[in-house]
Amino acid sequence: MSFFLETLAGGLLAGVMYALVAIGFVLIYKASGVFNFAQGAMVLCAALTFVTLTERDVPFWLAGLITLAIMVTLAVAVERIVLRPLVNRSQITLFMATLGLSYVIEGGSQFVMGASVHELDLGLSDLPVAIGPIQLSSFDLVAALTAGALVLALWLFFERTRIGVSLRAVADDPQAALSIGIRLPVLWATVWAVAGFVALVAGLLWGARQGVQFSLTFVVLKALPVLIIGGFTSITGAIVGGLIVGAADALAEIYLGPLLGGSVSTWFAYALAVAFLLVRPAGLFGERAIERV
């Protein structure tokens, strides 16, 4: 029983990290209807910028501030220069724009800062910590608590503040939101700036866990089943979806993998997402699912 609980707890901790990445997608999708495929490249850019600065003996806190400023500037510039001129274009046009942008950010980051694998040390140990009958990684625990605190703060900010109300109004009816005086350019810039900050935190946590390398951009792929299960327009859905994907992935790898003769972690989350699509196409907390309740 303790082994099952350890596996479940480890999966839930990973799920919090997935939720953090997914929230970056949700915020931008709610504000502008754009699925920002470049979010993974922004995660890589943030981690690569930070580790490059620290390798050049820039103090930890200063490297964090500089990286934050760069990511917020990058995010706002993407919204202003690339996506704002494409307002009212088709969804496929916007998606292709962010897809192309992801390659530009990835290539530019590696051209400027190098393509080699970097070790990112955040000063967190990775020792087993006993919590009752189970043992967890101290790094995973601290990382999940950090991500969880940020997720909670973002949920409170966008659910309980004026900006959050404006964001929901824009998601429901952009024209009506304009008619009551909501300034869409300001809202878009704010959301993209927050997405840049989320990319920084996710880049540091995932970079410290698996090294700063090109594969960090694939974190975005793990966010897809989270979004499908939770719903593309719900921060709460991103949290719940992340926990479901993390727990299901971990349990399936241990208990289902041996029955199928190999690892299932590379595909199980996507199979689970397909099952949710068949039952609840809008996700657990998607707009259509809410309307039907």
Protein backbone atom coordinates (compact mmCIF):
# COMPACT_ATOMS: atom_id res chain seq x y z
CA MET A 1 0.00 0.00 0.00
CA SER A 2 2.84 2.40 0.83
CA PHE A 3 4.37 1.83 -2.62
CA PHE A 4 1.05 2.69 -4.26
CA LEU A 5 0.80 5.87 -2.19
CA GLU A 6 4.39 6.84 -3.07
CA THR A 7 3.68 6.35 -6.76
CA LEU A 8 0.43 8.32 -6.54
CA ALA A 9 2.03 11.15 -4.56
CA GLY A 10 4.95 11.36 -6.99
CA GLY A 11 2.51 11.54 -9.89
CA LEU A 12 0.50 14.29 -8.22
CA LEU A 13 3.67 16.31 -7.62
CA ALA A 14 4.55 15.99 -11.31
CA GLY A 15 0.97 16.92 -12.15
CA VAL A 16 1.34 20.26 -10.40
CA MET A 17 4.31 20.99 -12.69
CA TYR A 18 2.23 20.05 -15.74
CA ALA A 19 -0.55 22.34 -14.53
CA LEU A 20 1.87 25.26 -14.31
CA VAL A 21 2.82 24.87 -17.98
CA ALA A 22 -0.81 24.40 -19.00
CA ILE A 23 -1.90 27.62 -17.29
CA GLY A 24 0.35 29.60 -19.63
CA PHE A 25 -1.73 28.24 -22.52
CA VAL A 26 -5.05 28.85 -20.78
CA LEU A 27 -4.37 32.52 -20.05
CA ILE A 28 -3.49 33.37 -23.65
CA TYR A 29 -6.29 31.25 -25.10
CA LYS A 30 -8.88 32.91 -22.83
CA ALA A 31 -7.67 36.41 -23.69
CA SER A 32 -7.16 36.12 -27.44
CA GLY A 33 -8.34 32.70 -28.61
CA VAL A 34 -4.78 31.81 -29.64
CA PHE A 35 -3.26 28.41 -28.87
CA ASN A 36 0.29 29.59 -28.19
CA PHE A 37 2.42 26.73 -29.46
CA ALA A 38 5.49 28.89 -28.74
CA GLN A 39 5.02 28.49 -24.96
CA GLY A 40 7.44 25.54 -24.93
CA ALA A 41 10.07 27.62 -26.72
CA MET A 42 9.56 30.37 -24.16
CA VAL A 43 10.21 27.84 -21.39
CA LEU A 44 13.49 26.86 -23.07
CA CYS A 45 14.46 30.49 -23.66
CA ALA A 46 13.87 31.38 -20.00
CA ALA A 47 15.89 28.44 -18.65
CA LEU A 48 18.70 28.96 -21.16
CA THR A 49 18.94 32.68 -20.42
CA PHE A 50 19.06 32.11 -16.67
CA VAL A 51 21.65 29.34 -16.76
CA THR A 52 23.84 31.29 -19.21
CA LEU A 53 23.86 34.28 -16.88
CA THR A 54 24.69 32.21 -13.80
CA GLU A 55 27.51 30.45 -15.68
CA ARG A 56 28.99 33.90 -16.26
CA ASP A 57 29.02 34.52 -12.50
CA VAL A 58 25.98 36.79 -12.45
CA PRO A 59 24.44 36.56 -8.95
CA PHE A 60 21.45 34.25 -8.69
CA TRP A 61 18.94 36.94 -7.78
CA LEU A 62 20.19 39.33 -10.46
CA ALA A 63 20.09 36.58 -13.11
CA GLY A 64 16.48 35.93 -12.11
CA LEU A 65 15.52 39.59 -12.44
CA ILE A 66 17.27 39.98 -15.80
CA THR A 67 15.67 36.80 -17.13
CA LEU A 68 12.25 37.93 -15.90
CA ALA A 69 12.67 41.28 -17.66
CA ILE A 70 13.73 39.53 -20.87
CA MET A 71 10.82 37.08 -20.79
CA VAL A 72 8.20 39.75 -20.08
CA THR A 73 9.65 41.92 -22.86
CA LEU A 74 9.70 38.97 -25.25
CA ALA A 75 6.12 37.99 -24.45
CA VAL A 76 4.78 41.52 -24.88
CA ALA A 77 6.78 41.96 -28.11
CA VAL A 78 5.30 38.73 -29.51
CA GLU A 79 1.79 39.98 -28.76
CA ARG A 80 2.41 43.45 -30.18
CA ILE A 81 4.50 42.63 -33.25
CA VAL A 82 3.35 39.17 -34.32
CA LEU A 83 -0.17 38.45 -33.09
CA ARG A 84 -1.91 41.81 -32.82
CA PRO A 85 -1.68 42.42 -36.59
CA LEU A 86 -3.37 39.02 -37.06
CA VAL A 87 -6.47 39.87 -35.02
CA ASN A 88 -9.66 38.50 -36.62
CA ARG A 89 -7.67 36.08 -38.78
CA SER A 90 -8.58 32.38 -38.82
CA GLN A 91 -7.54 30.07 -36.00
CA ILE A 92 -5.25 28.09 -38.28
CA THR A 93 -3.44 31.32 -39.25
CA LEU A 94 -2.85 32.21 -35.61
CA PHE A 95 -1.74 28.67 -34.79
CA MET A 96 0.73 28.62 -37.68
CA ALA A 97 2.07 32.00 -36.55
CA THR A 98 2.83 30.69 -33.05
CA LEU A 99 4.23 27.46 -34.50
CA GLY A 100 6.66 29.41 -36.69
CA LEU A 101 7.43 31.69 -33.76
CA SER A 102 8.40 28.69 -31.63
CA TYR A 103 11.12 27.73 -34.13
CA VAL A 104 12.37 31.32 -34.25
CA ILE A 105 12.63 31.52 -30.45
CA GLU A 106 14.23 28.07 -30.16
CA GLY A 107 16.76 28.75 -32.91
CA GLY A 108 17.52 32.27 -31.73
CA SER A 109 18.03 31.16 -28.12
CA GLN A 110 20.39 28.35 -29.07
CA PHE A 111 22.23 30.54 -31.60
CA VAL A 112 22.92 33.22 -29.00
CA MET A 113 23.48 31.03 -25.94
CA GLY A 114 24.60 27.71 -27.40
CA ALA A 115 22.95 24.33 -27.93
CA SER A 116 24.87 22.24 -25.39
CA VAL A 117 23.21 20.71 -22.33
CA HIS A 118 23.53 22.87 -19.21
CA GLU A 119 23.17 21.78 -15.61
CA LEU A 120 20.92 24.11 -13.66
CA ASP A 121 21.48 24.13 -9.91
CA LEU A 122 18.81 25.92 -7.90
CA GLY A 123 20.38 24.90 -4.61
CA LEU A 124 17.72 22.26 -3.94
CA SER A 125 18.81 18.88 -2.65
CA ASP A 126 17.31 15.66 -4.00
CA LEU A 127 17.14 13.52 -0.88
CA PRO A 128 14.32 11.22 0.21
CA VAL A 129 11.87 12.80 2.65
CA ALA A 130 9.65 10.58 4.80
CA ILE A 131 6.03 11.72 5.09
CA GLY A 132 4.20 9.14 7.13
CA PRO A 133 4.61 5.74 5.47
CA ILE A 134 5.83 7.12 2.15
CA GLN A 135 9.06 8.66 0.90
CA LEU A 136 9.23 11.48 -1.64
CA SER A 137 12.03 13.34 -3.38
CA SER A 138 12.80 16.58 -1.56
CA PHE A 139 13.42 18.32 -4.90
CA ASP A 140 10.10 17.18 -6.35
CA LEU A 141 8.35 18.24 -3.16
CA VAL A 142 9.85 21.76 -3.11
CA ALA A 143 9.35 22.18 -6.87
CA ALA A 144 5.71 21.10 -6.64
CA LEU A 145 5.08 23.38 -3.66
CA THR A 146 6.62 26.29 -5.55
CA ALA A 147 4.61 25.54 -8.67
CA GLY A 148 1.49 24.98 -6.58
CA ALA A 149 1.89 28.34 -4.81
CA LEU A 150 2.24 30.09 -8.17
CA VAL A 151 -0.73 28.22 -9.61
CA LEU A 152 -2.85 29.23 -6.60
CA ALA A 153 -1.70 32.86 -6.87
CA LEU A 154 -2.55 32.94 -10.59
CA TRP A 155 -5.94 31.37 -9.93
CA LEU A 156 -6.74 33.99 -7.27
CA PHE A 157 -5.44 36.82 -9.47
CA PHE A 158 -7.45 35.87 -12.53
CA GLU A 159 -10.57 34.69 -10.70
CA ARG A 160 -10.91 37.37 -8.01
CA THR A 161 -9.54 40.59 -9.50
CA ARG A 162 -10.81 43.14 -12.04
CA ILE A 163 -8.36 41.80 -14.63
CA GLY A 164 -9.79 38.33 -14.16
CA VAL A 165 -13.34 39.60 -14.63
CA SER A 166 -12.23 41.42 -17.78
CA LEU A 167 -10.53 38.27 -19.04
CA ARG A 168 -13.70 36.23 -18.59
CA ALA A 169 -15.73 38.93 -20.33
CA VAL A 170 -13.38 38.88 -23.31
CA ALA A 171 -13.51 35.10 -23.46
CA ASP A 172 -17.34 35.18 -23.47
CA ASP A 173 -17.85 38.01 -25.98
CA PRO A 174 -14.96 40.21 -27.20
CA GLN A 175 -17.25 42.74 -28.92
CA ALA A 176 -19.41 43.16 -25.84
CA ALA A 177 -16.26 43.54 -23.72
CA LEU A 178 -15.09 46.35 -26.01
CA SER A 179 -18.46 48.06 -25.80
CA ILE A 180 -18.28 48.35 -22.00
CA GLY A 181 -14.80 49.89 -22.08
CA ILE A 182 -12.45 46.96 -21.55
CA ARG A 183 -9.12 47.85 -23.16
CA LEU A 184 -8.17 44.72 -25.05
CA PRO A 185 -4.59 45.78 -25.93
CA VAL A 186 -3.79 46.37 -22.25
CA LEU A 187 -5.41 43.09 -21.25
CA TRP A 188 -3.56 41.15 -23.96
CA ALA A 189 -0.21 42.68 -22.97
CA THR A 190 -0.84 41.84 -19.30
CA VAL A 191 -1.75 38.23 -20.05
CA TRP A 192 1.26 37.73 -22.31
CA ALA A 193 3.54 39.26 -19.68
CA VAL A 194 2.17 36.82 -17.08
CA ALA A 195 2.68 33.97 -19.57
CA GLY A 196 6.31 35.05 -19.86
CA PHE A 197 6.66 34.91 -16.07
CA VAL A 198 5.04 31.45 -15.99
CA ALA A 199 7.50 30.30 -18.67
CA LEU A 200 10.38 31.51 -16.49
CA VAL A 201 9.26 29.58 -13.41
CA ALA A 202 8.45 26.47 -15.44
CA GLY A 203 11.79 26.70 -17.25
CA LEU A 204 13.74 26.91 -13.99
CA LEU A 205 11.90 24.02 -12.34
CA TRP A 206 11.93 21.70 -15.35
CA GLY A 207 15.48 22.75 -16.28
CA ALA A 208 16.75 21.89 -12.81
CA ARG A 209 14.96 18.56 -13.00
CA GLN A 210 16.15 17.33 -16.41
CA GLY A 211 18.85 19.78 -17.52
CA VAL A 212 18.55 22.80 -19.76
CA GLN A 213 18.40 21.39 -23.27
CA PHE A 214 16.30 21.38 -26.41
CA SER A 215 13.96 18.72 -25.02
CA LEU A 216 12.54 21.31 -22.61
CA THR A 217 10.38 22.50 -25.50
CA PHE A 218 8.62 19.12 -25.42
CA VAL A 219 7.14 20.00 -22.03
CA VAL A 220 4.47 21.69 -24.12
CA LEU A 221 3.41 18.30 -25.48
CA LYS A 222 2.67 17.04 -21.98
CA ALA A 223 0.45 20.07 -21.43
CA LEU A 224 -1.80 19.08 -24.33
CA PRO A 225 -3.58 16.19 -22.56
CA VAL A 226 -3.86 18.41 -19.47
CA LEU A 227 -5.67 21.05 -21.53
CA ILE A 228 -7.89 18.52 -23.29
CA ILE A 229 -8.95 16.93 -20.01
CA GLY A 230 -9.38 20.14 -18.02
CA GLY A 231 -10.58 22.47 -20.77
CA PHE A 232 -8.73 25.11 -22.76
CA THR A 233 -10.45 28.04 -21.06
CA SER A 234 -10.30 27.11 -17.38
CA ILE A 235 -7.49 27.68 -14.89
CA THR A 236 -9.25 25.32 -12.51
CA GLY A 237 -9.39 22.79 -15.34
CA ALA A 238 -5.64 23.12 -15.90
CA ILE A 239 -5.02 22.34 -12.23
CA VAL A 240 -7.38 19.35 -12.14
CA GLY A 241 -6.18 18.11 -15.53
CA GLY A 242 -2.55 18.32 -14.42
CA LEU A 243 -3.23 16.26 -11.31
CA ILE A 244 -5.17 13.65 -13.31
CA VAL A 245 -2.44 13.35 -15.95
CA GLY A 246 0.37 13.21 -13.39
CA ALA A 247 -1.29 10.58 -11.22
CA ALA A 248 -2.55 8.46 -14.12
CA ASP A 249 0.82 8.58 -15.87
CA ALA A 250 2.72 7.44 -12.78
CA LEU A 251 0.30 4.66 -11.88
CA ALA A 252 0.05 3.39 -15.46
CA GLU A 253 3.84 3.25 -15.79
CA ILE A 254 4.13 1.02 -12.71
CA TYR A 255 1.05 -1.17 -12.96
CA LEU A 256 0.14 -1.17 -16.67
CA GLY A 257 3.62 -1.00 -18.21
CA PRO A 258 4.74 -4.51 -17.17
CA LEU A 259 1.50 -5.99 -18.56
CA LEU A 260 2.12 -4.36 -21.94
CA GLY A 261 5.81 -5.24 -21.99
CA GLY A 262 7.26 -1.72 -21.93
CA SER A 263 7.01 1.90 -20.87
CA VAL A 264 3.62 3.56 -21.30
CA SER A 265 4.51 7.04 -20.03
CA THR A 266 5.21 8.27 -23.57
CA TRP A 267 1.64 7.68 -24.75
CA PHE A 268 -0.74 6.92 -21.89
CA ALA A 269 -1.65 10.56 -21.15
CA TYR A 270 -2.60 11.08 -24.79
CA ALA A 271 -4.74 7.95 -24.82
CA LEU A 272 -6.47 9.22 -21.69
CA ALA A 273 -7.03 12.59 -23.39
CA VAL A 274 -8.61 10.88 -26.42
CA ALA A 275 -10.98 9.03 -24.08
CA PHE A 276 -12.00 12.34 -22.50
CA LEU A 277 -12.55 13.85 -25.95
CA LEU A 278 -15.04 11.10 -26.74
CA VAL A 279 -16.96 11.66 -23.50
CA ARG A 280 -16.54 15.40 -22.82
CA PRO A 281 -15.15 17.17 -25.90
CA ALA A 282 -14.91 20.54 -24.10
CA GLY A 283 -13.08 19.06 -21.11
CA LEU A 284 -14.17 18.84 -17.48
CA PHE A 285 -14.30 22.62 -17.02
CA GLY A 286 -14.57 23.77 -20.63
CA GLU A 287 -17.20 26.33 -21.61
CA ARG A 288 -19.55 23.86 -23.27
CA ALA A 289 -19.27 21.43 -20.36
CA ILE A 290 -20.18 24.25 -17.94
CA GLU A 291 -23.15 25.34 -20.04
CA ARG A 292 -24.61 21.88 -19.97
CA VAL A 293 -24.50 21.67 -16.16
